[in-house]
Amino acid sequence: MKKMVFILGAFLLGHTAVANAATDWTPYLKPMLSGCDYVNPTEKLPARYKASIASKKVKGNPKIEGEEVYTTYTLKDSTAFGQPLLKVEYLQGYEWYHLKLYFKDTKFTTLRPQFKLPKISKDEAEYSKVVKNDKNGYEVENGGYLSLVFDQKQKSITCAGGV
């Protein structure tokens, strides 16, 4: 009888753990690790990530050309790169963008070594220049700009670019 109660208890605890499992955004956001290649979460966001969105806020009018449009997803029970993820913000401007991830605490800073500089081809080398590359991110000029910013105050990682 004790074995039966133990097995039933373990079974129920297992189901609770599965039901409360966090949504891992890492596979979706992984392109950010390779030269801040970004994803646009406002287009074709897979259903498994939509399920983790507690609220969505859009600031700006996407129908007005050149207007900055911020889309912010507040998340519930989500992680990215092994860290608790609170919000995802996407900005689309006229010729610029950013994708910003907000974390629960500053432990996300340990992720910096995983974020690599963009690969610069031989054809791009003459007009591409790494302006900054340190523990807080990088900036690359390439006829435009591409930057990675680790911000401890905002507890965020931002990939931004533009022409």
C-alpha atoms as a PDB file:
ATOM      1  CA  MET A   1       0.000   0.000   0.000  1.00  0.00           C
ATOM      2  CA  LYS A   2       2.837   2.431   0.866  1.00  0.00           C
ATOM      3  CA  LYS A   3       4.458   1.717  -2.500  1.00  0.00           C
ATOM      4  CA  MET A   4       1.189   2.527  -4.277  1.00  0.00           C
ATOM      5  CA  VAL A   5       0.832   5.866  -2.428  1.00  0.00           C
ATOM      6  CA  PHE A   6       4.481   6.694  -3.179  1.00  0.00           C
ATOM      7  CA  ILE A   7       4.096   5.880  -6.884  1.00  0.00           C
ATOM      8  CA  LEU A   8       0.873   7.881  -7.107  1.00  0.00           C
ATOM      9  CA  GLY A   9       2.524  10.836  -5.326  1.00  0.00           C
ATOM     10  CA  ALA A  10       5.544  10.740  -7.637  1.00  0.00           C
ATOM     11  CA  PHE A  11       3.241  10.547 -10.658  1.00  0.00           C
ATOM     12  CA  LEU A  12       1.240  13.592  -9.561  1.00  0.00           C
ATOM     13  CA  LEU A  13       4.367  15.601  -8.734  1.00  0.00           C
ATOM     14  CA  GLY A  14       5.780  14.739 -12.140  1.00  0.00           C
ATOM     15  CA  HIS A  15       2.665  16.059 -13.863  1.00  0.00           C
ATOM     16  CA  THR A  16       2.790  19.258 -11.830  1.00  0.00           C
ATOM     17  CA  ALA A  17       6.406  19.827 -12.857  1.00  0.00           C
ATOM     18  CA  VAL A  18       5.542  19.308 -16.520  1.00  0.00           C
ATOM     19  CA  ALA A  19       2.536  21.627 -16.304  1.00  0.00           C
ATOM     20  CA  ASN A  20       4.689  24.344 -14.721  1.00  0.00           C
ATOM     21  CA  ALA A  21       7.635  23.955 -17.095  1.00  0.00           C
ATOM     22  CA  ALA A  22       8.965  27.234 -18.462  1.00  0.00           C
ATOM     23  CA  THR A  23       8.790  28.076 -22.147  1.00  0.00           C
ATOM     24  CA  ASP A  24      12.347  28.112 -23.456  1.00  0.00           C
ATOM     25  CA  TRP A  25      12.786  30.854 -26.061  1.00  0.00           C
ATOM     26  CA  THR A  26      16.410  29.844 -26.734  1.00  0.00           C
ATOM     27  CA  PRO A  27      15.786  27.976 -30.022  1.00  0.00           C
ATOM     28  CA  TYR A  28      13.861  30.963 -31.405  1.00  0.00           C
ATOM     29  CA  LEU A  29      16.387  33.586 -30.251  1.00  0.00           C
ATOM     30  CA  LYS A  30      19.531  31.560 -31.052  1.00  0.00           C
ATOM     31  CA  PRO A  31      20.377  33.601 -34.203  1.00  0.00           C
ATOM     32  CA  MET A  32      21.244  36.501 -31.866  1.00  0.00           C
ATOM     33  CA  LEU A  33      24.353  34.551 -30.816  1.00  0.00           C
ATOM     34  CA  SER A  34      25.774  34.735 -34.355  1.00  0.00           C
ATOM     35  CA  GLY A  35      26.539  38.362 -35.041  1.00  0.00           C
ATOM     36  CA  CYS A  36      23.293  39.664 -33.577  1.00  0.00           C
ATOM     37  CA  ASP A  37      21.290  38.128 -36.371  1.00  0.00           C
ATOM     38  CA  TYR A  38      17.789  38.925 -35.270  1.00  0.00           C
ATOM     39  CA  VAL A  39      14.361  37.438 -35.483  1.00  0.00           C
ATOM     40  CA  ASN A  40      11.233  39.521 -35.823  1.00  0.00           C
ATOM     41  CA  PRO A  41       8.806  38.209 -33.207  1.00  0.00           C
ATOM     42  CA  THR A  42       5.957  40.219 -34.740  1.00  0.00           C
ATOM     43  CA  GLU A  43       5.978  37.995 -37.841  1.00  0.00           C
ATOM     44  CA  LYS A  44       5.194  34.276 -37.781  1.00  0.00           C
ATOM     45  CA  LEU A  45       5.836  33.711 -34.080  1.00  0.00           C
ATOM     46  CA  PRO A  46       5.387  29.967 -33.430  1.00  0.00           C
ATOM     47  CA  ALA A  47       2.398  28.986 -31.280  1.00  0.00           C
ATOM     48  CA  ARG A  48       4.529  27.541 -28.462  1.00  0.00           C
ATOM     49  CA  TYR A  49       6.013  31.017 -27.868  1.00  0.00           C
ATOM     50  CA  LYS A  50       2.666  32.794 -28.235  1.00  0.00           C
ATOM     51  CA  ALA A  51       1.360  30.624 -25.387  1.00  0.00           C
ATOM     52  CA  SER A  52       3.957  32.162 -23.027  1.00  0.00           C
ATOM     53  CA  ILE A  53       2.894  35.761 -23.732  1.00  0.00           C
ATOM     54  CA  ALA A  54       1.001  37.276 -20.798  1.00  0.00           C
ATOM     55  CA  SER A  55       0.383  40.585 -22.616  1.00  0.00           C
ATOM     56  CA  LYS A  56       1.260  42.454 -25.788  1.00  0.00           C
ATOM     57  CA  LYS A  57       1.697  46.207 -26.130  1.00  0.00           C
ATOM     58  CA  VAL A  58       2.180  48.068 -29.414  1.00  0.00           C
ATOM     59  CA  LYS A  59       3.322  51.688 -29.417  1.00  0.00           C
ATOM     60  CA  GLY A  60       3.312  53.560 -32.733  1.00  0.00           C
ATOM     61  CA  ASN A  61       1.371  53.101 -35.935  1.00  0.00           C
ATOM     62  CA  PRO A  62       2.791  50.496 -38.338  1.00  0.00           C
ATOM     63  CA  LYS A  63       0.686  51.993 -41.162  1.00  0.00           C
ATOM     64  CA  ILE A  64       2.603  55.288 -41.035  1.00  0.00           C
ATOM     65  CA  GLU A  65       5.822  55.003 -43.016  1.00  0.00           C
ATOM     66  CA  GLY A  66       8.890  55.909 -40.989  1.00  0.00           C
ATOM     67  CA  GLU A  67       7.144  55.830 -37.616  1.00  0.00           C
ATOM     68  CA  GLU A  68       8.887  53.853 -34.898  1.00  0.00           C
ATOM     69  CA  VAL A  69       6.775  50.903 -33.813  1.00  0.00           C
ATOM     70  CA  TYR A  70       7.565  49.173 -30.523  1.00  0.00           C
ATOM     71  CA  THR A  71       6.039  45.765 -29.866  1.00  0.00           C
ATOM     72  CA  THR A  72       6.562  44.491 -26.343  1.00  0.00           C
ATOM     73  CA  TYR A  73       5.623  41.025 -25.139  1.00  0.00           C
ATOM     74  CA  THR A  74       5.441  40.552 -21.387  1.00  0.00           C
ATOM     75  CA  LEU A  75       6.098  36.886 -20.735  1.00  0.00           C
ATOM     76  CA  LYS A  76       5.013  34.366 -18.155  1.00  0.00           C
ATOM     77  CA  ASP A  77       7.268  31.560 -16.972  1.00  0.00           C
ATOM     78  CA  SER A  78       9.839  31.899 -19.765  1.00  0.00           C
ATOM     79  CA  THR A  79      13.583  31.497 -20.172  1.00  0.00           C
ATOM     80  CA  ALA A  80      16.206  32.280 -22.786  1.00  0.00           C
ATOM     81  CA  PHE A  81      19.731  30.897 -22.807  1.00  0.00           C
ATOM     82  CA  GLY A  82      19.055  29.364 -19.369  1.00  0.00           C
ATOM     83  CA  GLN A  83      18.041  32.666 -17.739  1.00  0.00           C
ATOM     84  CA  PRO A  84      14.557  33.844 -16.624  1.00  0.00           C
ATOM     85  CA  LEU A  85      13.150  36.044 -19.422  1.00  0.00           C
ATOM     86  CA  LEU A  86      10.543  38.690 -18.530  1.00  0.00           C
ATOM     87  CA  LYS A  87       9.966  40.648 -21.759  1.00  0.00           C
ATOM     88  CA  VAL A  88      10.837  40.745 -25.443  1.00  0.00           C
ATOM     89  CA  GLU A  89      10.747  44.118 -27.200  1.00  0.00           C
ATOM     90  CA  TYR A  90      11.004  44.644 -30.937  1.00  0.00           C
ATOM     91  CA  LEU A  91      11.468  48.103 -32.471  1.00  0.00           C
ATOM     92  CA  GLN A  92      11.023  48.681 -36.171  1.00  0.00           C
ATOM     93  CA  GLY A  93      11.997  52.126 -37.376  1.00  0.00           C
ATOM     94  CA  TYR A  94      12.376  53.472 -40.895  1.00  0.00           C
ATOM     95  CA  GLU A  95      15.886  52.103 -41.437  1.00  0.00           C
ATOM     96  CA  TRP A  96      16.713  50.759 -37.999  1.00  0.00           C
ATOM     97  CA  TYR A  97      15.559  48.069 -35.596  1.00  0.00           C
ATOM     98  CA  HIS A  98      16.315  46.488 -32.294  1.00  0.00           C
ATOM     99  CA  LEU A  99      15.439  43.314 -30.471  1.00  0.00           C
ATOM    100  CA  LYS A 100      15.708  43.657 -26.707  1.00  0.00           C
ATOM    101  CA  LEU A 101      15.450  40.899 -24.121  1.00  0.00           C
ATOM    102  CA  TYR A 102      14.676  41.781 -20.497  1.00  0.00           C
ATOM    103  CA  PHE A 103      15.801  39.375 -17.792  1.00  0.00           C
ATOM    104  CA  LYS A 104      14.824  38.818 -14.162  1.00  0.00           C
ATOM    105  CA  ASP A 105      18.275  39.646 -12.737  1.00  0.00           C
ATOM    106  CA  THR A 106      21.848  40.438 -13.781  1.00  0.00           C
ATOM    107  CA  LYS A 107      22.934  36.793 -14.043  1.00  0.00           C
ATOM    108  CA  PHE A 108      22.334  37.120 -17.799  1.00  0.00           C
ATOM    109  CA  THR A 109      25.702  38.920 -18.067  1.00  0.00           C
ATOM    110  CA  THR A 110      27.424  35.528 -17.914  1.00  0.00           C
ATOM    111  CA  LEU A 111      26.037  34.949 -21.424  1.00  0.00           C
ATOM    112  CA  ARG A 112      28.270  37.601 -23.056  1.00  0.00           C
ATOM    113  CA  PRO A 113      30.988  35.154 -24.293  1.00  0.00           C
ATOM    114  CA  GLN A 114      28.318  33.230 -26.253  1.00  0.00           C
ATOM    115  CA  PHE A 115      27.458  36.299 -28.381  1.00  0.00           C
ATOM    116  CA  LYS A 116      29.897  36.407 -31.289  1.00  0.00           C
ATOM    117  CA  LEU A 117      30.836  39.216 -33.644  1.00  0.00           C
ATOM    118  CA  PRO A 118      29.237  39.055 -37.083  1.00  0.00           C
ATOM    119  CA  LYS A 119      31.263  37.284 -39.722  1.00  0.00           C
ATOM    120  CA  ILE A 120      32.770  39.779 -42.152  1.00  0.00           C
ATOM    121  CA  SER A 121      33.440  38.472 -45.639  1.00  0.00           C
ATOM    122  CA  LYS A 122      36.442  39.537 -47.719  1.00  0.00           C
ATOM    123  CA  ASP A 123      34.132  41.695 -49.830  1.00  0.00           C
ATOM    124  CA  GLU A 124      32.839  43.503 -46.730  1.00  0.00           C
ATOM    125  CA  ALA A 125      36.237  43.854 -45.004  1.00  0.00           C
ATOM    126  CA  GLU A 126      37.208  47.150 -46.632  1.00  0.00           C
ATOM    127  CA  TYR A 127      34.104  48.975 -45.360  1.00  0.00           C
ATOM    128  CA  SER A 128      33.477  47.058 -42.114  1.00  0.00           C
ATOM    129  CA  LYS A 129      35.118  47.959 -38.847  1.00  0.00           C
ATOM    130  CA  VAL A 130      34.760  46.661 -35.286  1.00  0.00           C
ATOM    131  CA  VAL A 131      34.527  49.864 -33.253  1.00  0.00           C
ATOM    132  CA  LYS A 132      34.010  48.218 -29.856  1.00  0.00           C
ATOM    133  CA  ASN A 133      34.133  44.678 -28.475  1.00  0.00           C
ATOM    134  CA  ASP A 134      34.134  44.212 -24.698  1.00  0.00           C
ATOM    135  CA  LYS A 135      32.201  42.687 -21.790  1.00  0.00           C
ATOM    136  CA  ASN A 136      29.303  45.101 -22.410  1.00  0.00           C
ATOM    137  CA  GLY A 137      28.862  44.208 -26.086  1.00  0.00           C
ATOM    138  CA  TYR A 138      30.152  45.301 -29.451  1.00  0.00           C
ATOM    139  CA  GLU A 139      29.597  47.790 -32.239  1.00  0.00           C
ATOM    140  CA  VAL A 140      30.368  47.183 -35.880  1.00  0.00           C
ATOM    141  CA  GLU A 141      30.275  49.790 -38.633  1.00  0.00           C
ATOM    142  CA  ASN A 142      29.503  48.239 -42.000  1.00  0.00           C
ATOM    143  CA  GLY A 143      27.967  50.932 -44.161  1.00  0.00           C
ATOM    144  CA  GLY A 144      25.466  51.128 -41.317  1.00  0.00           C
ATOM    145  CA  TYR A 145      25.818  49.837 -37.810  1.00  0.00           C
ATOM    146  CA  LEU A 146      25.225  46.716 -35.797  1.00  0.00           C
ATOM    147  CA  SER A 147      25.469  46.666 -32.036  1.00  0.00           C
ATOM    148  CA  LEU A 148      25.120  44.339 -29.086  1.00  0.00           C
ATOM    149  CA  VAL A 149      24.522  45.896 -25.668  1.00  0.00           C
ATOM    150  CA  PHE A 150      24.500  44.127 -22.302  1.00  0.00           C
ATOM    151  CA  ASP A 151      22.816  46.607 -19.948  1.00  0.00           C
ATOM    152  CA  GLN A 152      23.000  45.677 -16.265  1.00  0.00           C
ATOM    153  CA  LYS A 153      20.761  48.564 -15.155  1.00  0.00           C
ATOM    154  CA  GLN A 154      17.914  47.547 -17.459  1.00  0.00           C
ATOM    155  CA  LYS A 155      18.815  43.851 -17.112  1.00  0.00           C
ATOM    156  CA  SER A 156      18.695  43.556 -20.879  1.00  0.00           C
ATOM    157  CA  ILE A 157      20.477  42.411 -24.009  1.00  0.00           C
ATOM    158  CA  THR A 158      19.863  44.480 -27.132  1.00  0.00           C
ATOM    159  CA  CYS A 159      20.774  43.721 -30.718  1.00  0.00           C
ATOM    160  CA  ALA A 160      20.349  46.825 -32.874  1.00  0.00           C
ATOM    161  CA  GLY A 161      21.110  47.757 -36.427  1.00  0.00           C
ATOM    162  CA  GLY A 162      20.454  50.252 -39.135  1.00  0.00           C
ATOM    163  CA  VAL A 163      21.781  52.086 -42.136  1.00  0.00           C
END
